[in-house]
Amino acid sequence: MNATKAMETNGNDNGPKTRVIDLVLWGATGFTGRIAARYLASNYAETSLRLAFGGRSAERLEQLKEEVVGDVPEASGIEIVAGDSMDRAFLDAMASQTKVVCTTVGPYARYGAGL
């Protein structure tokens, strides 16, 4: 599933949306995010937990995923969710289709308050 498809609505604006991802690690390419990404991949890649790395740059997220998969091949199923943390519609769509968003984005007051 690509990042755009993961954040599409289910076509029913009145009902609950399908939660396609269990946990999005938002800010995954920053210092703290990279530590958390490796921890999640090492401990949960082989479980049924549906994980995604999220942030502003799809390119940097893909690069992180490649690095993580190099160490933890089972992490190849981790999704990528790229978007703008200042885009309310994007954040709403991401949150509506995710059970948990764990944010490591920083500085939080500037980039994380909207989430």
N, C-alpha and C. Protein backbone atom coordinates (compact mmCIF):
# COMPACT_ATOMS: atom_id res chain seq x y z
N MET A 1 0.86 -1.17 0.00
CA MET A 1 0.00 0.00 0.00
C MET A 1 0.90 1.23 0.00
N ASN A 2 0.60 2.19 -0.82
CA ASN A 2 1.40 3.41 -0.83
C ASN A 2 0.85 4.40 0.19
N ALA A 3 1.60 5.45 0.46
CA ALA A 3 1.21 6.41 1.49
C ALA A 3 -0.12 7.08 1.17
N THR A 4 -0.34 7.41 -0.08
CA THR A 4 -1.58 8.07 -0.46
C THR A 4 -2.76 7.14 -0.23
N LYS A 5 -2.65 5.91 -0.67
CA LYS A 5 -3.74 4.95 -0.52
C LYS A 5 -4.06 4.70 0.95
N ALA A 6 -3.03 4.66 1.78
CA ALA A 6 -3.24 4.41 3.21
C ALA A 6 -4.07 5.49 3.86
N MET A 7 -4.03 6.69 3.32
CA MET A 7 -4.73 7.80 3.94
C MET A 7 -6.02 8.18 3.23
N GLU A 8 -6.48 7.38 2.26
CA GLU A 8 -7.75 7.67 1.60
C GLU A 8 -8.90 7.31 2.53
N THR A 9 -10.04 7.97 2.35
CA THR A 9 -11.21 7.63 3.14
C THR A 9 -11.83 6.36 2.59
N ASN A 10 -12.71 5.77 3.35
CA ASN A 10 -13.34 4.53 2.90
C ASN A 10 -14.58 4.78 2.06
N GLY A 11 -14.87 6.02 1.72
CA GLY A 11 -16.01 6.33 0.87
C GLY A 11 -17.30 6.56 1.63
N ASN A 12 -17.29 6.39 2.93
CA ASN A 12 -18.48 6.59 3.75
C ASN A 12 -18.15 7.67 4.78
N ASP A 13 -18.50 8.91 4.48
CA ASP A 13 -18.15 10.01 5.35
C ASP A 13 -18.93 10.03 6.66
N ASN A 14 -20.01 9.27 6.74
CA ASN A 14 -20.83 9.28 7.94
C ASN A 14 -20.48 8.18 8.93
N GLY A 15 -19.79 7.17 8.49
CA GLY A 15 -19.49 6.04 9.36
C GLY A 15 -18.04 6.02 9.75
N PRO A 16 -17.68 5.07 10.61
CA PRO A 16 -16.29 4.97 11.02
C PRO A 16 -15.42 4.54 9.85
N LYS A 17 -14.22 5.07 9.82
CA LYS A 17 -13.29 4.72 8.77
C LYS A 17 -12.47 3.51 9.21
N THR A 18 -12.03 2.74 8.26
CA THR A 18 -11.22 1.58 8.56
C THR A 18 -9.86 2.03 9.07
N ARG A 19 -9.43 1.46 10.15
CA ARG A 19 -8.11 1.77 10.70
C ARG A 19 -7.11 0.85 10.00
N VAL A 20 -6.43 1.38 9.00
CA VAL A 20 -5.55 0.55 8.18
C VAL A 20 -4.16 0.38 8.78
N ILE A 21 -3.82 1.20 9.75
CA ILE A 21 -2.52 1.13 10.41
C ILE A 21 -2.74 1.14 11.91
N ASP A 22 -2.03 0.29 12.62
CA ASP A 22 -2.15 0.26 14.08
C ASP A 22 -1.36 1.39 14.73
N LEU A 23 -0.14 1.65 14.24
CA LEU A 23 0.70 2.67 14.85
C LEU A 23 1.51 3.39 13.78
N VAL A 24 1.39 4.71 13.75
CA VAL A 24 2.24 5.55 12.92
C VAL A 24 3.26 6.22 13.83
N LEU A 25 4.52 6.06 13.51
CA LEU A 25 5.58 6.77 14.21
C LEU A 25 5.83 8.04 13.41
N TRP A 26 5.27 9.16 13.87
CA TRP A 26 5.35 10.44 13.17
C TRP A 26 6.62 11.16 13.59
N GLY A 27 7.41 11.60 12.64
CA GLY A 27 8.71 12.21 12.93
C GLY A 27 9.79 11.15 12.97
N ALA A 28 9.60 10.09 12.22
CA ALA A 28 10.48 8.92 12.28
C ALA A 28 11.91 9.18 11.84
N THR A 29 12.15 10.21 11.04
CA THR A 29 13.50 10.42 10.53
C THR A 29 14.35 11.34 11.40
N GLY A 30 13.79 11.91 12.44
CA GLY A 30 14.57 12.74 13.36
C GLY A 30 15.39 11.88 14.30
N PHE A 31 16.16 12.52 15.16
CA PHE A 31 17.05 11.80 16.07
C PHE A 31 16.28 10.78 16.93
N THR A 32 15.28 11.26 17.65
CA THR A 32 14.51 10.37 18.53
C THR A 32 13.67 9.40 17.71
N GLY A 33 13.13 9.88 16.60
CA GLY A 33 12.31 9.02 15.74
C GLY A 33 13.08 7.82 15.21
N ARG A 34 14.33 8.03 14.83
CA ARG A 34 15.14 6.93 14.31
C ARG A 34 15.38 5.87 15.39
N ILE A 35 15.60 6.30 16.61
CA ILE A 35 15.77 5.35 17.72
C ILE A 35 14.49 4.55 17.91
N ALA A 36 13.36 5.26 17.93
CA ALA A 36 12.06 4.60 18.10
C ALA A 36 11.75 3.67 16.93
N ALA A 37 12.10 4.08 15.71
CA ALA A 37 11.84 3.26 14.53
C ALA A 37 12.59 1.94 14.62
N ARG A 38 13.83 2.00 15.00
CA ARG A 38 14.62 0.77 15.13
C ARG A 38 14.08 -0.12 16.25
N TYR A 39 13.66 0.49 17.33
CA TYR A 39 13.08 -0.28 18.44
C TYR A 39 11.80 -0.98 17.99
N LEU A 40 10.91 -0.23 17.36
CA LEU A 40 9.64 -0.82 16.91
C LEU A 40 9.88 -1.95 15.91
N ALA A 41 10.77 -1.71 14.95
CA ALA A 41 11.05 -2.74 13.95
C ALA A 41 11.65 -3.99 14.61
N SER A 42 12.59 -3.79 15.50
CA SER A 42 13.26 -4.92 16.15
C SER A 42 12.32 -5.74 17.02
N ASN A 43 11.35 -5.07 17.64
CA ASN A 43 10.49 -5.75 18.60
C ASN A 43 9.11 -6.14 18.07
N TYR A 44 8.66 -5.52 16.98
CA TYR A 44 7.28 -5.74 16.54
C TYR A 44 7.12 -6.10 15.07
N ALA A 45 8.20 -6.12 14.30
CA ALA A 45 8.08 -6.41 12.86
C ALA A 45 7.51 -7.80 12.60
N GLU A 46 7.76 -8.73 13.47
CA GLU A 46 7.29 -10.10 13.26
C GLU A 46 5.93 -10.37 13.92
N THR A 47 5.27 -9.33 14.37
CA THR A 47 3.95 -9.49 14.98
C THR A 47 2.88 -9.05 13.98
N SER A 48 1.65 -9.11 14.40
CA SER A 48 0.55 -8.68 13.53
C SER A 48 0.32 -7.16 13.58
N LEU A 49 1.11 -6.45 14.37
CA LEU A 49 0.99 -4.99 14.47
C LEU A 49 1.34 -4.35 13.13
N ARG A 50 0.43 -3.53 12.62
CA ARG A 50 0.65 -2.84 11.34
C ARG A 50 1.30 -1.50 11.63
N LEU A 51 2.58 -1.38 11.28
CA LEU A 51 3.38 -0.20 11.59
C LEU A 51 3.57 0.68 10.37
N ALA A 52 3.76 1.98 10.62
CA ALA A 52 4.12 2.92 9.56
C ALA A 52 5.10 3.94 10.12
N PHE A 53 6.05 4.32 9.28
CA PHE A 53 6.93 5.43 9.58
C PHE A 53 6.34 6.65 8.89
N GLY A 54 6.22 7.76 9.62
CA GLY A 54 5.61 8.95 9.04
C GLY A 54 6.46 10.19 9.22
N GLY A 55 6.25 11.15 8.31
CA GLY A 55 6.95 12.41 8.37
C GLY A 55 6.75 13.21 7.10
N ARG A 56 7.52 14.28 6.95
CA ARG A 56 7.35 15.19 5.81
C ARG A 56 7.94 14.67 4.51
N SER A 57 9.05 13.95 4.57
CA SER A 57 9.78 13.57 3.37
C SER A 57 9.66 12.07 3.07
N ALA A 58 8.94 11.75 2.00
CA ALA A 58 8.81 10.34 1.60
C ALA A 58 10.18 9.75 1.30
N GLU A 59 11.04 10.54 0.69
CA GLU A 59 12.38 10.06 0.34
C GLU A 59 13.18 9.68 1.59
N ARG A 60 13.17 10.55 2.59
CA ARG A 60 13.89 10.26 3.83
C ARG A 60 13.27 9.08 4.58
N LEU A 61 11.95 8.97 4.53
CA LEU A 61 11.27 7.85 5.18
C LEU A 61 11.63 6.53 4.51
N GLU A 62 11.67 6.52 3.18
CA GLU A 62 12.06 5.31 2.44
C GLU A 62 13.51 4.94 2.76
N GLN A 63 14.37 5.95 2.86
CA GLN A 63 15.77 5.72 3.19
C GLN A 63 15.88 5.09 4.58
N LEU A 64 15.13 5.61 5.54
CA LEU A 64 15.11 5.04 6.89
C LEU A 64 14.63 3.60 6.86
N LYS A 65 13.56 3.36 6.13
CA LYS A 65 13.02 2.01 6.04
C LYS A 65 14.06 1.04 5.47
N GLU A 66 14.77 1.46 4.42
CA GLU A 66 15.81 0.61 3.84
C GLU A 66 16.89 0.28 4.86
N GLU A 67 17.30 1.28 5.64
CA GLU A 67 18.30 1.06 6.69
C GLU A 67 17.79 0.06 7.72
N VAL A 68 16.56 0.25 8.15
CA VAL A 68 15.97 -0.62 9.17
C VAL A 68 15.81 -2.04 8.63
N VAL A 69 15.34 -2.17 7.40
CA VAL A 69 15.16 -3.49 6.79
C VAL A 69 16.51 -4.19 6.63
N GLY A 70 17.58 -3.41 6.42
CA GLY A 70 18.92 -4.00 6.35
C GLY A 70 19.29 -4.71 7.64
N ASP A 71 18.83 -4.19 8.77
CA ASP A 71 19.10 -4.80 10.07
C ASP A 71 18.02 -5.80 10.48
N VAL A 72 16.78 -5.51 10.08
CA VAL A 72 15.63 -6.34 10.48
C VAL A 72 14.81 -6.63 9.21
N PRO A 73 15.18 -7.67 8.46
CA PRO A 73 14.49 -7.96 7.19
C PRO A 73 12.98 -8.12 7.33
N GLU A 74 12.52 -8.55 8.48
CA GLU A 74 11.08 -8.73 8.70
C GLU A 74 10.33 -7.40 8.70
N ALA A 75 11.04 -6.29 8.74
CA ALA A 75 10.42 -4.96 8.78
C ALA A 75 10.02 -4.46 7.39
N SER A 76 10.17 -5.28 6.37
CA SER A 76 9.88 -4.84 5.01
C SER A 76 8.42 -4.46 4.80
N GLY A 77 7.53 -4.90 5.66
CA GLY A 77 6.11 -4.59 5.54
C GLY A 77 5.71 -3.26 6.18
N ILE A 78 6.65 -2.57 6.80
CA ILE A 78 6.33 -1.28 7.42
C ILE A 78 5.95 -0.28 6.33
N GLU A 79 4.83 0.41 6.54
CA GLU A 79 4.33 1.38 5.57
C GLU A 79 5.04 2.73 5.73
N ILE A 80 4.89 3.57 4.72
CA ILE A 80 5.41 4.93 4.73
C ILE A 80 4.22 5.88 4.60
N VAL A 81 4.15 6.87 5.49
CA VAL A 81 3.09 7.88 5.42
C VAL A 81 3.78 9.24 5.41
N ALA A 82 3.73 9.90 4.27
CA ALA A 82 4.38 11.20 4.13
C ALA A 82 3.33 12.29 3.97
N GLY A 83 3.54 13.40 4.66
CA GLY A 83 2.61 14.51 4.57
C GLY A 83 3.10 15.70 5.37
N ASP A 84 2.34 16.75 5.29
CA ASP A 84 2.68 18.02 5.92
C ASP A 84 2.01 18.13 7.28
N SER A 85 2.80 18.31 8.33
CA SER A 85 2.24 18.40 9.68
C SER A 85 1.47 19.70 9.90
N MET A 86 1.48 20.60 8.92
CA MET A 86 0.70 21.83 9.01
C MET A 86 -0.61 21.72 8.22
N ASP A 87 -0.82 20.59 7.58
CA ASP A 87 -2.01 20.36 6.74
C ASP A 87 -3.08 19.64 7.56
N ARG A 88 -4.05 20.38 8.06
CA ARG A 88 -5.09 19.84 8.94
C ARG A 88 -5.83 18.67 8.29
N ALA A 89 -6.16 18.79 7.00
CA ALA A 89 -6.89 17.72 6.31
C ALA A 89 -6.06 16.43 6.28
N PHE A 90 -4.77 16.56 6.01
CA PHE A 90 -3.91 15.39 6.01
C PHE A 90 -3.85 14.75 7.39
N LEU A 91 -3.62 15.58 8.42
CA LEU A 91 -3.53 15.05 9.78
C LEU A 91 -4.83 14.36 10.20
N ASP A 92 -5.96 14.96 9.85
CA ASP A 92 -7.26 14.35 10.18
C ASP A 92 -7.41 13.00 9.49
N ALA A 93 -7.03 12.94 8.21
CA ALA A 93 -7.14 11.68 7.47
C ALA A 93 -6.22 10.62 8.06
N MET A 94 -5.00 11.02 8.40
CA MET A 94 -4.06 10.07 8.98
C MET A 94 -4.59 9.55 10.32
N ALA A 95 -5.02 10.46 11.18
CA ALA A 95 -5.51 10.06 12.50
C ALA A 95 -6.76 9.19 12.40
N SER A 96 -7.61 9.48 11.43
CA SER A 96 -8.86 8.71 11.32
C SER A 96 -8.62 7.28 10.85
N GLN A 97 -7.46 7.02 10.26
CA GLN A 97 -7.18 5.69 9.75
C GLN A 97 -6.06 4.99 10.51
N THR A 98 -5.73 5.52 11.67
CA THR A 98 -4.64 5.00 12.48
C THR A 98 -5.15 4.82 13.91
N LYS A 99 -4.82 3.70 14.51
CA LYS A 99 -5.23 3.50 15.90
C LYS A 99 -4.43 4.39 16.85
N VAL A 100 -3.11 4.49 16.62
CA VAL A 100 -2.24 5.27 17.49
C VAL A 100 -1.24 6.04 16.64
N VAL A 101 -1.06 7.31 16.95
CA VAL A 101 0.01 8.11 16.35
C VAL A 101 0.96 8.47 17.47
N CYS A 102 2.18 8.00 17.35
CA CYS A 102 3.24 8.32 18.31
C CYS A 102 4.11 9.36 17.64
N THR A 103 4.21 10.55 18.22
CA THR A 103 4.97 11.60 17.58
C THR A 103 6.29 11.87 18.28
N THR A 104 7.32 11.99 17.47
CA THR A 104 8.63 12.39 17.96
C THR A 104 9.08 13.65 17.23
N VAL A 105 8.14 14.27 16.52
CA VAL A 105 8.44 15.44 15.70
C VAL A 105 8.92 16.59 16.58
N GLY A 106 9.83 17.36 16.06
CA GLY A 106 10.30 18.48 16.85
C GLY A 106 10.82 19.59 15.96
N PRO A 107 10.89 20.76 16.50
CA PRO A 107 10.39 21.10 17.83
C PRO A 107 8.86 20.99 17.88
N TYR A 108 8.39 20.37 18.94
CA TYR A 108 6.97 20.05 19.05
C TYR A 108 6.08 21.30 18.97
N ALA A 109 6.46 22.35 19.63
CA ALA A 109 5.63 23.57 19.63
C ALA A 109 5.44 24.11 18.23
N ARG A 110 6.41 23.89 17.36
CA ARG A 110 6.31 24.41 16.00
C ARG A 110 5.64 23.43 15.04
N TYR A 111 6.00 22.13 15.13
CA TYR A 111 5.55 21.15 14.14
C TYR A 111 4.56 20.12 14.68
N GLY A 112 4.40 20.02 15.97
CA GLY A 112 3.60 18.95 16.52
C GLY A 112 2.27 19.31 17.13
N ALA A 113 2.06 20.59 17.41
CA ALA A 113 0.86 21.00 18.13
C ALA A 113 -0.42 20.65 17.38
N GLY A 114 -0.42 20.73 16.07
CA GLY A 114 -1.62 20.44 15.28
C GLY A 114 -2.05 18.99 15.38
N LEU A 115 -1.09 18.11 15.58
CA LEU A 115 -1.40 16.70 15.68
C LEU A 115 -2.02 16.40 17.01
